[in-house]
Every structure is written in structure tokens, then in C-alpha cells.
Amino acid sequence: MNNGRRSQPPVARFASGRPENDLMSQALPKRKPVPRLRTFDYKGQFAYSITICTSNKSSVFTEEEIVDNILEILYAECTKMQFGLLAYCFMPDHLHLLLTGKERSELIKMITRFKQTSSFRFRKTYGKPLWQRGYYDHVLRKDEDVEVVAHYIWSNPIRKGLVELIKDYPFSGPREYLIDGPT
């Protein structure tokens, strides 16, 4: 007796109700959740330390032409979205940024635009994706010194053994802000 209800065959008793979806989801890697603060809107006058990784951690930022093209897009998006670019460092497989927002700045929108625009241009030129999904951010607290964070960003090539002095790494800047010294 089924009381007017249709019984489902055993193969349809998957979480999604569709066996093919569950088989596919088992084969695909699970996406990590985006690491954003749930109670913070990323808008306004804050400083942010950002890390964006290249697709599959590929060594992309090893040629001046590539870095210059991406840097041009970065400066344009910072200007459009009202962000100051205090520090950057293009490591071979990732990018570090130190940004400061103004009253109307929106970090998530700015990073999304930057990644979309640079990805489009890079794929058009080189035929492959540029960025991994997502990015890492750290909202600087009032007691964190932006100069210390900038110095940490610029010191990445030293820690990786690429150069001995900050000023010797060609893909860091802005050049006029670089703090001279090995560490």
C-alpha cells in the first residue's frame, strides 16, 4: 500500500535526488569556501594585504612584458576603484599587494575587476588562464603598521632566495616607495 505516494527506486536516493549529479560531484574536487570575513563588507577606508595565486601555481611572472601588462591593469583598476597601491610584489607564481581604500572603495569589486580584466588579456595573448579562483586577504588593524607590511611584501624575493636586496628584485614596487635594505 503506497498511500498515494510514489516510491522512488533505490538509485534515486542520493543527496541531490539525481544519481548522475552525485557521481559527478564525487569525481570533481570540492571547492574551498571563499575565505572572507562574514561580518565585514570590505568597503571604505581600510588597508588590505592581498595574495593572488596564478592558475595551478604556474610560474607566470618571470618576464618584464607580462608583469608590465598586468601592472598597467592593476594601476588602472586601483584608480577607477579609488585604491592606493602602497606595495606590490610579483613573485613567479603569485602576486602580493598592499592596498588602501578611500571612502567609496570596494575591495571585492576592485579585485574582481582586476582579475577579470587581466585574465581576459592574458588568455587572449597566451591562450591559458592566469589566476586561481579566489584570493587571500588580510584587513590591517589599527595597530598594524603599513610600512612593516610593505617591507614584508618587498622582502618575499629575499626569503625565496631570488635576490639579496629588496631593490634588486625588478617586479616589486612602486619603485619610489621601496625601502632600501636586505630585510
Protein backbone atom coordinates (compact mmCIF):
# COMPACT_ATOMS: atom_id res chain seq x y z
CA MET A 1 0.00 0.00 0.00
CA ASN A 2 1.56 3.31 -1.03
CA ASN A 3 -0.98 5.83 0.38
CA GLY A 4 -0.89 7.87 -2.82
CA ARG A 5 2.86 8.39 -2.62
CA ARG A 6 5.16 7.05 -5.28
CA SER A 7 8.12 5.17 -4.01
CA GLN A 8 11.44 6.07 -5.54
CA PRO A 9 13.75 3.43 -6.88
CA PRO A 10 16.89 2.93 -4.79
CA VAL A 11 19.19 4.60 -7.37
CA ALA A 12 17.39 7.92 -6.92
CA ARG A 13 18.13 8.13 -3.19
CA PHE A 14 21.15 10.41 -3.49
CA ALA A 15 21.61 13.71 -1.72
CA SER A 16 20.68 15.67 -4.83
CA GLY A 17 17.96 13.28 -5.92
CA ARG A 18 19.80 12.78 -9.21
CA PRO A 19 22.35 9.97 -9.32
CA GLU A 20 24.37 11.49 -12.17
CA ASN A 21 24.98 14.70 -10.19
CA ASP A 22 26.24 12.81 -7.18
CA LEU A 23 28.56 10.66 -9.28
CA MET A 24 29.99 13.78 -10.91
CA SER A 25 30.41 15.57 -7.60
CA GLN A 26 32.38 12.60 -6.27
CA ALA A 27 34.76 12.80 -9.24
CA LEU A 28 35.31 16.59 -9.08
CA PRO A 29 37.46 18.21 -6.41
CA LYS A 30 35.45 20.08 -3.80
CA ARG A 31 35.78 23.85 -3.92
CA LYS A 32 37.02 25.50 -0.80
CA PRO A 33 34.83 28.26 0.56
CA VAL A 34 36.00 31.80 -0.20
CA PRO A 35 37.95 32.99 2.86
CA ARG A 36 36.11 36.27 3.51
CA LEU A 37 35.01 37.74 6.82
CA ARG A 38 31.26 37.26 7.07
CA THR A 39 30.58 40.36 9.14
CA PHE A 40 32.77 42.78 7.18
CA ASP A 41 31.78 44.40 3.87
CA TYR A 42 35.30 45.29 2.59
CA LYS A 43 34.20 48.86 1.81
CA GLY A 44 35.73 52.13 2.87
CA GLN A 45 38.97 53.44 4.32
CA PHE A 46 40.87 50.29 5.23
CA ALA A 47 44.26 48.85 4.33
CA TYR A 48 44.45 45.34 2.90
CA SER A 49 47.20 42.83 2.32
CA ILE A 50 46.20 40.64 -0.65
CA THR A 51 47.73 37.50 -2.16
CA ILE A 52 46.51 36.21 -5.52
CA CYS A 53 47.90 32.93 -6.88
CA THR A 54 48.36 32.06 -10.53
CA SER A 55 46.40 29.21 -12.08
CA ASN A 56 47.89 25.87 -10.99
CA LYS A 57 50.66 27.89 -9.27
CA SER A 58 52.34 28.27 -12.67
CA SER A 59 55.46 30.45 -12.93
CA VAL A 60 53.99 33.30 -14.94
CA PHE A 61 55.61 36.45 -13.59
CA THR A 62 59.14 35.90 -14.82
CA GLU A 63 59.15 38.24 -17.82
CA GLU A 64 59.07 42.02 -17.71
CA GLU A 65 56.49 42.27 -20.52
CA ILE A 66 53.96 40.10 -18.67
CA VAL A 67 54.45 41.91 -15.35
CA ASP A 68 54.22 45.32 -17.03
CA ASN A 69 50.94 44.40 -18.75
CA ILE A 70 49.35 43.14 -15.53
CA LEU A 71 50.73 46.10 -13.56
CA GLU A 72 49.17 48.51 -16.06
CA ILE A 73 45.78 46.89 -15.46
CA LEU A 74 46.33 46.94 -11.69
CA TYR A 75 47.08 50.67 -11.66
CA ALA A 76 44.05 51.39 -13.87
CA GLU A 77 41.70 49.42 -11.62
CA CYS A 78 43.13 50.97 -8.46
CA THR A 79 42.49 54.42 -9.94
CA LYS A 80 38.94 53.56 -11.09
CA MET A 81 38.02 51.93 -7.80
CA GLN A 82 39.73 54.57 -5.59
CA PHE A 83 42.50 52.47 -4.07
CA GLY A 84 46.04 53.46 -3.26
CA LEU A 85 48.70 50.92 -4.22
CA LEU A 86 51.29 51.09 -1.45
CA ALA A 87 53.23 47.92 -2.29
CA TYR A 88 53.27 45.06 -4.76
CA CYS A 89 55.49 42.09 -5.47
CA PHE A 90 55.03 39.81 -8.46
CA MET A 91 56.53 36.51 -7.37
CA PRO A 92 56.77 33.88 -10.14
CA ASP A 93 53.52 32.14 -9.12
CA HIS A 94 51.62 34.73 -7.08
CA LEU A 95 51.10 38.43 -6.50
CA HIS A 96 51.26 40.32 -3.19
CA LEU A 97 49.51 43.67 -2.83
CA LEU A 98 49.12 46.30 -0.12
CA LEU A 99 46.12 48.49 -0.89
CA THR A 100 44.47 51.37 0.93
CA GLY A 101 40.86 52.21 0.31
CA LYS A 102 39.16 55.56 0.26
CA GLU A 103 35.66 56.34 1.48
CA ARG A 104 33.91 54.82 -1.58
CA SER A 105 36.35 51.96 -2.20
CA GLU A 106 35.05 48.39 -2.51
CA LEU A 107 37.78 45.75 -2.28
CA ILE A 108 35.81 42.75 -3.56
CA LYS A 109 34.61 44.67 -6.60
CA MET A 110 38.11 46.01 -7.33
CA ILE A 111 39.84 42.63 -7.08
CA THR A 112 37.11 41.01 -9.18
CA ARG A 113 37.51 43.64 -11.92
CA PHE A 114 41.30 43.41 -11.80
CA LYS A 115 41.31 39.62 -12.06
CA GLN A 116 38.71 39.55 -14.84
CA THR A 117 40.42 42.21 -16.95
CA SER A 118 43.93 40.80 -16.52
CA SER A 119 42.72 37.23 -17.09
CA PHE A 120 40.97 38.21 -20.30
CA ARG A 121 44.06 39.99 -21.67
CA PHE A 122 46.41 37.20 -20.58
CA ARG A 123 44.24 34.43 -22.08
CA LYS A 124 43.90 36.39 -25.32
CA THR A 125 47.69 36.71 -25.59
CA TYR A 126 48.92 33.40 -24.13
CA GLY A 127 45.92 31.09 -24.51
CA LYS A 128 45.77 29.96 -20.89
CA PRO A 129 44.21 31.10 -17.61
CA LEU A 130 46.08 33.50 -15.36
CA TRP A 131 44.59 33.29 -11.87
CA GLN A 132 43.38 30.68 -9.43
CA ARG A 133 39.87 31.08 -8.11
CA GLY A 134 39.68 33.45 -5.15
CA TYR A 135 42.41 35.26 -3.27
CA TYR A 136 43.62 35.75 0.27
CA ASP A 137 43.10 38.99 2.14
CA HIS A 138 44.06 40.45 5.47
CA VAL A 139 42.41 43.61 6.73
CA LEU A 140 45.07 45.56 8.60
CA ARG A 141 44.10 46.53 12.11
CA LYS A 142 44.73 49.97 13.51
CA ASP A 143 47.82 48.79 15.39
CA GLU A 144 49.44 47.28 12.27
CA ASP A 145 51.99 49.48 10.55
CA VAL A 146 51.59 49.65 6.75
CA GLU A 147 55.35 50.23 6.36
CA VAL A 148 56.07 46.95 8.16
CA VAL A 149 53.58 45.12 5.93
CA ALA A 150 55.02 46.76 2.79
CA HIS A 151 58.53 45.76 3.86
CA TYR A 152 57.33 42.19 4.44
CA ILE A 153 55.85 42.10 0.91
CA TRP A 154 59.01 43.52 -0.67
CA SER A 155 61.14 41.01 1.26
CA ASN A 156 59.45 37.98 -0.32
CA PRO A 157 62.07 37.58 -3.08
CA ILE A 158 64.83 37.62 -0.43
CA ARG A 159 63.08 34.91 1.62
CA LYS A 160 62.75 32.81 -1.56
CA GLY A 161 66.43 33.27 -2.41
CA LEU A 162 65.77 35.20 -5.64
CA VAL A 163 67.80 38.30 -4.66
CA GLU A 164 69.86 39.60 -1.76
CA LEU A 165 68.50 43.16 -1.68
CA ILE A 166 64.93 44.41 -1.99
CA LYS A 167 65.86 46.96 -4.65
CA ASP A 168 67.40 44.24 -6.85
CA TYR A 169 64.08 42.48 -7.50
CA PRO A 170 62.61 44.00 -10.68
CA PHE A 171 58.96 43.08 -10.08
CA SER A 172 58.35 44.94 -6.79
CA GLY A 173 57.19 48.44 -6.21
CA PRO A 174 56.15 51.11 -6.51
CA ARG A 175 59.85 51.76 -7.02
CA GLU A 176 59.70 55.19 -5.37
CA TYR A 177 58.39 53.59 -2.14
CA LEU A 178 60.85 50.72 -1.86
CA ILE A 179 62.65 50.68 1.45
CA ASP A 180 66.35 50.01 0.82
CA GLY A 181 67.97 47.17 2.66
CA PRO A 182 68.24 43.39 2.65
CA THR A 183 65.42 42.60 5.10
